[in-house]
């Protein structure tokens, strides 16, 4: 079944191309377990647009690597967010779900992560994957909600960031 959304391609030189009727049911290249539609926040009424840049492909390729290493299915709770949907979700204005120039983020449901030790193991895998790709990663565990926020940054000078929230 086709899932039509609008794609906005942002090139490194600043050029932007809009594809108004993109079939988002397709898998993301080099990340066959993720579809464009899944990461466009289908639960959001505004999920008709997805911003794509080179960082987008790198981020989901790295999440695919994590999924393969874990040998478990992932569910993307939240990928790209429009600024208004991000506000509605309680996200901060500088959220990487909005795909700023600095980073990109995805919230992944991981109900099997139940202890700090398991989270640290998952965070360390993400850190290693990101570092092997020449980027900086972050892992934020939302303990009560059973998801991990995975971020990745290309132009970022800080070290790997790991936090546990009791939310």
Foldseek 3Di string as FASTA:
>chain_A
DFDFAKEWEAEPVGDIDIDGGDRQVAAQPLQRLDTSQQQLQVVDPNSRYDYDYPQNSLVNNLVSVLCVVVVDRKRWNYWADDQVVCVVVVHDNPDQSPVDVWKTKTKIAAQVPADPVSQVVSLVSSQVSQVVVQWAWEWEAQRVRRIIMIMIGNPDDDHYYYYYHPD
